[in-house]
Amino acid sequence: MTDAPVGRSAAYTILTTGYTLSTGPGVAATVSFVEDGERRVVIDPGMVASRDRILGPLAELGYGPDDVTDVVLSHHHPDNVLNVGLFGRARVHDHKAEYLADQWVDRDAEGYELTPSLRLIRTPGHSPEDITLLVGTADGVVAFAGDLWWRPDGPAEDPVAPDRDGLRASRERVLAAADVIVPGHGGPFPADEHAVR
């Protein structure tokens, strides 16, 4: 049995490609946009050099912040969530609930489907609350995996992971379901034998 969503109708765009700098304090999240039918989803609207790095590319797609229907937070570290407030009309999804305005609805992220092409799974390791959004597209399954991988090169040993065995198990789970991985702070890479385990 695979975790991959059954649908293949979604499309995605990287709004801004994140980074982590080894020589300084700079960090930016990879912020992504997924569209499937009436659902318009932003993933990990975190730290960026300027909010225009999120809103500008979104506007180029023809959307403003109020057009976003859902926000998925892969985990609750500030570098991945800092700009969630830009999307005040959106349902916000995390590992345990869905939030909208003053409504908090408990539900486990494991297996939760926003649409048949958009499925959340729990993937703890970098933090206990990590989730991954699996997106079925015409070209295959794309995994928006947060900081299971910071960048295409890993790191192989996440220095802040409280559960390194769990991290490796979650990476294997994502690799088994996906064709492409979008990490938390870098560009997409193939989910193949070259991916850091």
C-alpha atoms as a PDB file:
ATOM      1  CA  MET A   1       0.000   0.000   0.000  1.00  0.00           C
ATOM      2  CA  THR A   2       1.302   3.420  -0.907  1.00  0.00           C
ATOM      3  CA  ASP A   3       0.705   6.763   0.749  1.00  0.00           C
ATOM      4  CA  ALA A   4       0.442   8.443  -2.653  1.00  0.00           C
ATOM      5  CA  PRO A   5      -2.827  10.255  -3.315  1.00  0.00           C
ATOM      6  CA  VAL A   6      -5.137   8.610  -5.838  1.00  0.00           C
ATOM      7  CA  GLY A   7      -5.804  11.847  -7.736  1.00  0.00           C
ATOM      8  CA  ARG A   8      -3.411  13.397 -10.250  1.00  0.00           C
ATOM      9  CA  SER A   9      -5.130  16.723 -10.962  1.00  0.00           C
ATOM     10  CA  ALA A  10      -3.022  19.200  -8.953  1.00  0.00           C
ATOM     11  CA  ALA A  11      -0.361  21.611 -10.187  1.00  0.00           C
ATOM     12  CA  TYR A  12       2.367  23.323  -8.158  1.00  0.00           C
ATOM     13  CA  THR A  13       4.642  26.343  -8.283  1.00  0.00           C
ATOM     14  CA  ILE A  14       7.579  27.228  -6.058  1.00  0.00           C
ATOM     15  CA  LEU A  15       6.878  30.818  -4.997  1.00  0.00           C
ATOM     16  CA  THR A  16      10.318  31.307  -3.463  1.00  0.00           C
ATOM     17  CA  THR A  17      13.237  28.910  -3.098  1.00  0.00           C
ATOM     18  CA  GLY A  18      14.624  28.970   0.403  1.00  0.00           C
ATOM     19  CA  TYR A  19      18.158  28.674   1.684  1.00  0.00           C
ATOM     20  CA  THR A  20      20.296  28.196   4.765  1.00  0.00           C
ATOM     21  CA  LEU A  21      23.700  29.829   4.855  1.00  0.00           C
ATOM     22  CA  SER A  22      26.605  28.013   6.441  1.00  0.00           C
ATOM     23  CA  THR A  23      28.610  31.224   6.832  1.00  0.00           C
ATOM     24  CA  GLY A  24      25.967  33.385   8.465  1.00  0.00           C
ATOM     25  CA  PRO A  25      22.570  33.625  10.077  1.00  0.00           C
ATOM     26  CA  GLY A  26      20.545  33.913   6.840  1.00  0.00           C
ATOM     27  CA  VAL A  27      17.651  31.509   6.415  1.00  0.00           C
ATOM     28  CA  ALA A  28      14.582  31.520   4.192  1.00  0.00           C
ATOM     29  CA  ALA A  29      11.846  28.964   3.719  1.00  0.00           C
ATOM     30  CA  THR A  30      10.908  27.390   0.427  1.00  0.00           C
ATOM     31  CA  VAL A  31       7.332  28.611   0.028  1.00  0.00           C
ATOM     32  CA  SER A  32       5.155  26.720  -2.439  1.00  0.00           C
ATOM     33  CA  PHE A  33       1.711  27.009  -4.015  1.00  0.00           C
ATOM     34  CA  VAL A  34      -0.553  24.152  -5.056  1.00  0.00           C
ATOM     35  CA  GLU A  35      -3.778  24.415  -6.995  1.00  0.00           C
ATOM     36  CA  ASP A  36      -6.341  21.635  -7.322  1.00  0.00           C
ATOM     37  CA  GLY A  37      -9.842  22.584  -8.426  1.00  0.00           C
ATOM     38  CA  GLU A  38     -11.136  25.233  -6.036  1.00  0.00           C
ATOM     39  CA  ARG A  39      -8.339  24.630  -3.517  1.00  0.00           C
ATOM     40  CA  ARG A  40      -5.412  27.045  -3.580  1.00  0.00           C
ATOM     41  CA  VAL A  41      -2.809  26.014  -1.010  1.00  0.00           C
ATOM     42  CA  VAL A  42       0.312  27.741   0.286  1.00  0.00           C
ATOM     43  CA  ILE A  43       2.865  25.505   2.000  1.00  0.00           C
ATOM     44  CA  ASP A  44       5.200  26.774   4.737  1.00  0.00           C
ATOM     45  CA  PRO A  45       4.880  30.572   4.441  1.00  0.00           C
ATOM     46  CA  GLY A  46       7.916  31.124   6.615  1.00  0.00           C
ATOM     47  CA  MET A  47      10.876  33.473   6.819  1.00  0.00           C
ATOM     48  CA  VAL A  48      11.814  35.316   3.622  1.00  0.00           C
ATOM     49  CA  ALA A  49      13.884  38.421   2.935  1.00  0.00           C
ATOM     50  CA  SER A  50      10.691  40.307   2.047  1.00  0.00           C
ATOM     51  CA  ARG A  51       7.004  39.363   1.947  1.00  0.00           C
ATOM     52  CA  ASP A  52       7.124  40.338  -1.732  1.00  0.00           C
ATOM     53  CA  ARG A  53       9.059  37.096  -2.259  1.00  0.00           C
ATOM     54  CA  ILE A  54       5.794  35.300  -1.455  1.00  0.00           C
ATOM     55  CA  LEU A  55       3.135  37.752  -2.602  1.00  0.00           C
ATOM     56  CA  GLY A  56       4.863  38.818  -5.844  1.00  0.00           C
ATOM     57  CA  PRO A  57       5.018  35.338  -7.409  1.00  0.00           C
ATOM     58  CA  LEU A  58       1.497  34.640  -6.132  1.00  0.00           C
ATOM     59  CA  ALA A  59       0.263  37.796  -7.907  1.00  0.00           C
ATOM     60  CA  GLU A  60       2.006  36.667 -11.099  1.00  0.00           C
ATOM     61  CA  LEU A  61      -0.217  33.575 -10.926  1.00  0.00           C
ATOM     62  CA  GLY A  62      -3.247  35.862 -10.694  1.00  0.00           C
ATOM     63  CA  TYR A  63      -3.945  35.475  -6.971  1.00  0.00           C
ATOM     64  CA  GLY A  64      -3.879  37.637  -3.881  1.00  0.00           C
ATOM     65  CA  PRO A  65      -3.602  36.511  -0.273  1.00  0.00           C
ATOM     66  CA  ASP A  66      -7.398  36.348   0.156  1.00  0.00           C
ATOM     67  CA  ASP A  67      -7.628  33.878  -2.754  1.00  0.00           C
ATOM     68  CA  VAL A  68      -5.639  31.273  -0.815  1.00  0.00           C
ATOM     69  CA  THR A  69      -8.048  28.687   0.625  1.00  0.00           C
ATOM     70  CA  ASP A  70      -5.588  26.626   2.677  1.00  0.00           C
ATOM     71  CA  VAL A  71      -2.174  26.882   4.318  1.00  0.00           C
ATOM     72  CA  VAL A  72      -0.210  23.766   5.266  1.00  0.00           C
ATOM     73  CA  LEU A  73       2.417  24.067   7.996  1.00  0.00           C
ATOM     74  CA  SER A  74       4.898  21.205   7.853  1.00  0.00           C
ATOM     75  CA  HIS A  75       5.902  21.933  11.466  1.00  0.00           C
ATOM     76  CA  HIS A  76       5.904  24.809  13.931  1.00  0.00           C
ATOM     77  CA  HIS A  77       9.425  26.237  13.656  1.00  0.00           C
ATOM     78  CA  PRO A  78       9.411  30.009  13.051  1.00  0.00           C
ATOM     79  CA  ASP A  79      11.442  29.784   9.840  1.00  0.00           C
ATOM     80  CA  ASN A  80       8.586  27.796   8.274  1.00  0.00           C
ATOM     81  CA  VAL A  81       5.532  29.624   9.677  1.00  0.00           C
ATOM     82  CA  LEU A  82       6.443  33.285  10.222  1.00  0.00           C
ATOM     83  CA  ASN A  83       4.183  34.672   7.452  1.00  0.00           C
ATOM     84  CA  VAL A  84       1.090  32.519   7.940  1.00  0.00           C
ATOM     85  CA  GLY A  85      -0.849  35.666   8.919  1.00  0.00           C
ATOM     86  CA  LEU A  86      -0.693  36.908   5.319  1.00  0.00           C
ATOM     87  CA  PHE A  87      -3.496  34.449   4.514  1.00  0.00           C
ATOM     88  CA  GLY A  88      -6.256  35.475   6.928  1.00  0.00           C
ATOM     89  CA  ARG A  89      -9.101  33.755   5.057  1.00  0.00           C
ATOM     90  CA  ALA A  90      -7.343  30.416   4.659  1.00  0.00           C
ATOM     91  CA  ARG A  91      -7.863  27.210   6.611  1.00  0.00           C
ATOM     92  CA  VAL A  92      -4.567  26.388   8.310  1.00  0.00           C
ATOM     93  CA  HIS A  93      -3.551  22.736   8.610  1.00  0.00           C
ATOM     94  CA  ASP A  94      -0.975  21.217  10.929  1.00  0.00           C
ATOM     95  CA  HIS A  95      -0.330  17.806  12.470  1.00  0.00           C
ATOM     96  CA  LYS A  96      -3.342  17.828  14.789  1.00  0.00           C
ATOM     97  CA  ALA A  97      -5.989  20.295  13.665  1.00  0.00           C
ATOM     98  CA  GLU A  98      -7.512  22.657  11.133  1.00  0.00           C
ATOM     99  CA  TYR A  99      -7.887  26.336  12.064  1.00  0.00           C
ATOM    100  CA  LEU A 100     -10.060  29.043  10.496  1.00  0.00           C
ATOM    101  CA  ALA A 101     -10.764  32.436  12.076  1.00  0.00           C
ATOM    102  CA  ASP A 102     -11.796  31.518  15.642  1.00  0.00           C
ATOM    103  CA  GLN A 103     -12.539  27.859  14.887  1.00  0.00           C
ATOM    104  CA  TRP A 104     -10.208  25.043  15.940  1.00  0.00           C
ATOM    105  CA  VAL A 105     -11.206  21.585  14.702  1.00  0.00           C
ATOM    106  CA  ASP A 106      -9.160  18.680  16.012  1.00  0.00           C
ATOM    107  CA  ARG A 107      -8.227  16.028  13.449  1.00  0.00           C
ATOM    108  CA  ASP A 108      -5.134  13.940  12.907  1.00  0.00           C
ATOM    109  CA  ALA A 109      -3.149  14.853   9.810  1.00  0.00           C
ATOM    110  CA  GLU A 110      -2.389  11.205   9.057  1.00  0.00           C
ATOM    111  CA  GLY A 111      -4.181  10.374   5.805  1.00  0.00           C
ATOM    112  CA  TYR A 112      -6.253  13.570   5.810  1.00  0.00           C
ATOM    113  CA  GLU A 113      -7.237  14.564   2.265  1.00  0.00           C
ATOM    114  CA  LEU A 114      -7.866  18.144   1.222  1.00  0.00           C
ATOM    115  CA  THR A 115      -8.848  16.680  -2.178  1.00  0.00           C
ATOM    116  CA  PRO A 116      -8.219  13.264  -3.768  1.00  0.00           C
ATOM    117  CA  SER A 117      -4.931  14.729  -5.091  1.00  0.00           C
ATOM    118  CA  LEU A 118      -3.795  16.347  -1.819  1.00  0.00           C
ATOM    119  CA  ARG A 119      -3.012  14.096   1.145  1.00  0.00           C
ATOM    120  CA  LEU A 120      -1.312  14.843   4.459  1.00  0.00           C
ATOM    121  CA  ILE A 121       0.795  12.256   6.261  1.00  0.00           C
ATOM    122  CA  ARG A 122       2.668  12.385   9.549  1.00  0.00           C
ATOM    123  CA  THR A 123       6.445  12.329   9.060  1.00  0.00           C
ATOM    124  CA  PRO A 124       8.082  13.067  12.435  1.00  0.00           C
ATOM    125  CA  GLY A 125      11.819  13.329  12.898  1.00  0.00           C
ATOM    126  CA  HIS A 126      12.997  16.903  12.422  1.00  0.00           C
ATOM    127  CA  SER A 127      10.341  17.739  15.003  1.00  0.00           C
ATOM    128  CA  PRO A 128       7.645  15.610  16.633  1.00  0.00           C
ATOM    129  CA  GLU A 129       4.867  17.354  14.694  1.00  0.00           C
ATOM    130  CA  ASP A 130       6.269  17.111  11.138  1.00  0.00           C
ATOM    131  CA  ILE A 131       3.811  16.456   8.332  1.00  0.00           C
ATOM    132  CA  THR A 132       4.248  16.114   4.573  1.00  0.00           C
ATOM    133  CA  LEU A 133       1.785  17.169   1.882  1.00  0.00           C
ATOM    134  CA  LEU A 134       1.716  14.611  -0.946  1.00  0.00           C
ATOM    135  CA  VAL A 135       0.447  16.163  -4.178  1.00  0.00           C
ATOM    136  CA  GLY A 136      -0.715  14.128  -7.141  1.00  0.00           C
ATOM    137  CA  THR A 137       0.156  15.880 -10.416  1.00  0.00           C
ATOM    138  CA  ALA A 138       0.015  14.772 -14.042  1.00  0.00           C
ATOM    139  CA  ASP A 139       3.791  14.171 -13.834  1.00  0.00           C
ATOM    140  CA  GLY A 140       3.777  12.174 -10.594  1.00  0.00           C
ATOM    141  CA  VAL A 141       3.663  12.723  -6.843  1.00  0.00           C
ATOM    142  CA  VAL A 142       5.383  15.738  -5.306  1.00  0.00           C
ATOM    143  CA  ALA A 143       6.160  15.660  -1.576  1.00  0.00           C
ATOM    144  CA  PHE A 144       6.288  18.978   0.262  1.00  0.00           C
ATOM    145  CA  ALA A 145       8.345  17.570   3.115  1.00  0.00           C
ATOM    146  CA  GLY A 146       9.302  20.589   5.196  1.00  0.00           C
ATOM    147  CA  ASP A 147      12.595  20.042   6.984  1.00  0.00           C
ATOM    148  CA  LEU A 148      12.817  16.268   6.607  1.00  0.00           C
ATOM    149  CA  TRP A 149      15.375  17.544   4.122  1.00  0.00           C
ATOM    150  CA  TRP A 150      16.597  21.118   4.496  1.00  0.00           C
ATOM    151  CA  ARG A 151      18.078  21.099   0.996  1.00  0.00           C
ATOM    152  CA  PRO A 152      18.617  18.534  -1.766  1.00  0.00           C
ATOM    153  CA  ASP A 153      21.853  17.463  -0.004  1.00  0.00           C
ATOM    154  CA  GLY A 154      20.140  16.790   3.330  1.00  0.00           C
ATOM    155  CA  PRO A 155      21.868  17.274   5.636  1.00  0.00           C
ATOM    156  CA  ALA A 156      22.278  13.543   6.106  1.00  0.00           C
ATOM    157  CA  GLU A 157      22.435  14.067   9.875  1.00  0.00           C
ATOM    158  CA  ASP A 158      19.983  16.782  10.887  1.00  0.00           C
ATOM    159  CA  PRO A 159      21.759  18.549  13.799  1.00  0.00           C
ATOM    160  CA  VAL A 160      18.494  19.664  15.442  1.00  0.00           C
ATOM    161  CA  ALA A 161      16.441  16.485  14.978  1.00  0.00           C
ATOM    162  CA  PRO A 162      15.283  15.076  18.333  1.00  0.00           C
ATOM    163  CA  ASP A 163      14.580  11.674  16.719  1.00  0.00           C
ATOM    164  CA  ARG A 164      17.137  10.738  14.073  1.00  0.00           C
ATOM    165  CA  ASP A 165      15.806   7.183  13.667  1.00  0.00           C
ATOM    166  CA  GLY A 166      12.326   8.616  13.193  1.00  0.00           C
ATOM    167  CA  LEU A 167      13.707  11.091  10.674  1.00  0.00           C
ATOM    168  CA  ARG A 168      15.250   8.309   8.607  1.00  0.00           C
ATOM    169  CA  ALA A 169      12.027   6.272   8.754  1.00  0.00           C
ATOM    170  CA  SER A 170       9.988   9.293   7.647  1.00  0.00           C
ATOM    171  CA  ARG A 171      12.405   9.976   4.799  1.00  0.00           C
ATOM    172  CA  GLU A 172      12.005   6.386   3.588  1.00  0.00           C
ATOM    173  CA  ARG A 173       8.220   6.685   3.789  1.00  0.00           C
ATOM    174  CA  VAL A 174       8.239   9.851   1.677  1.00  0.00           C
ATOM    175  CA  LEU A 175      10.690   8.398  -0.831  1.00  0.00           C
ATOM    176  CA  ALA A 176       8.427   5.364  -1.283  1.00  0.00           C
ATOM    177  CA  ALA A 177       5.443   7.568  -2.174  1.00  0.00           C
ATOM    178  CA  ALA A 178       6.962  10.471  -4.132  1.00  0.00           C
ATOM    179  CA  ASP A 179       8.660  11.186  -7.443  1.00  0.00           C
ATOM    180  CA  VAL A 180       9.871  14.680  -6.465  1.00  0.00           C
ATOM    181  CA  ILE A 181      10.665  16.172  -3.065  1.00  0.00           C
ATOM    182  CA  VAL A 182      10.439  19.845  -2.168  1.00  0.00           C
ATOM    183  CA  PRO A 183      12.620  20.456   0.910  1.00  0.00           C
ATOM    184  CA  GLY A 184      12.203  23.173   3.523  1.00  0.00           C
ATOM    185  CA  HIS A 185      15.081  25.400   2.378  1.00  0.00           C
ATOM    186  CA  GLY A 186      16.046  24.507  -1.180  1.00  0.00           C
ATOM    187  CA  GLY A 187      14.855  23.538  -4.621  1.00  0.00           C
ATOM    188  CA  PRO A 188      13.030  20.356  -5.645  1.00  0.00           C
ATOM    189  CA  PHE A 189      14.975  17.154  -6.233  1.00  0.00           C
ATOM    190  CA  PRO A 190      14.160  13.641  -7.498  1.00  0.00           C
ATOM    191  CA  ALA A 191      12.989  11.036  -4.993  1.00  0.00           C
ATOM    192  CA  ASP A 192      15.445   8.475  -6.289  1.00  0.00           C
ATOM    193  CA  GLU A 193      18.405   6.400  -5.149  1.00  0.00           C
ATOM    194  CA  HIS A 194      20.577   9.544  -4.918  1.00  0.00           C
ATOM    195  CA  ALA A 195      18.358  11.191  -2.279  1.00  0.00           C
ATOM    196  CA  VAL A 196      19.925  11.499   1.157  1.00  0.00           C
ATOM    197  CA  ARG A 197      18.473   8.888   3.505  1.00  0.00           C
END
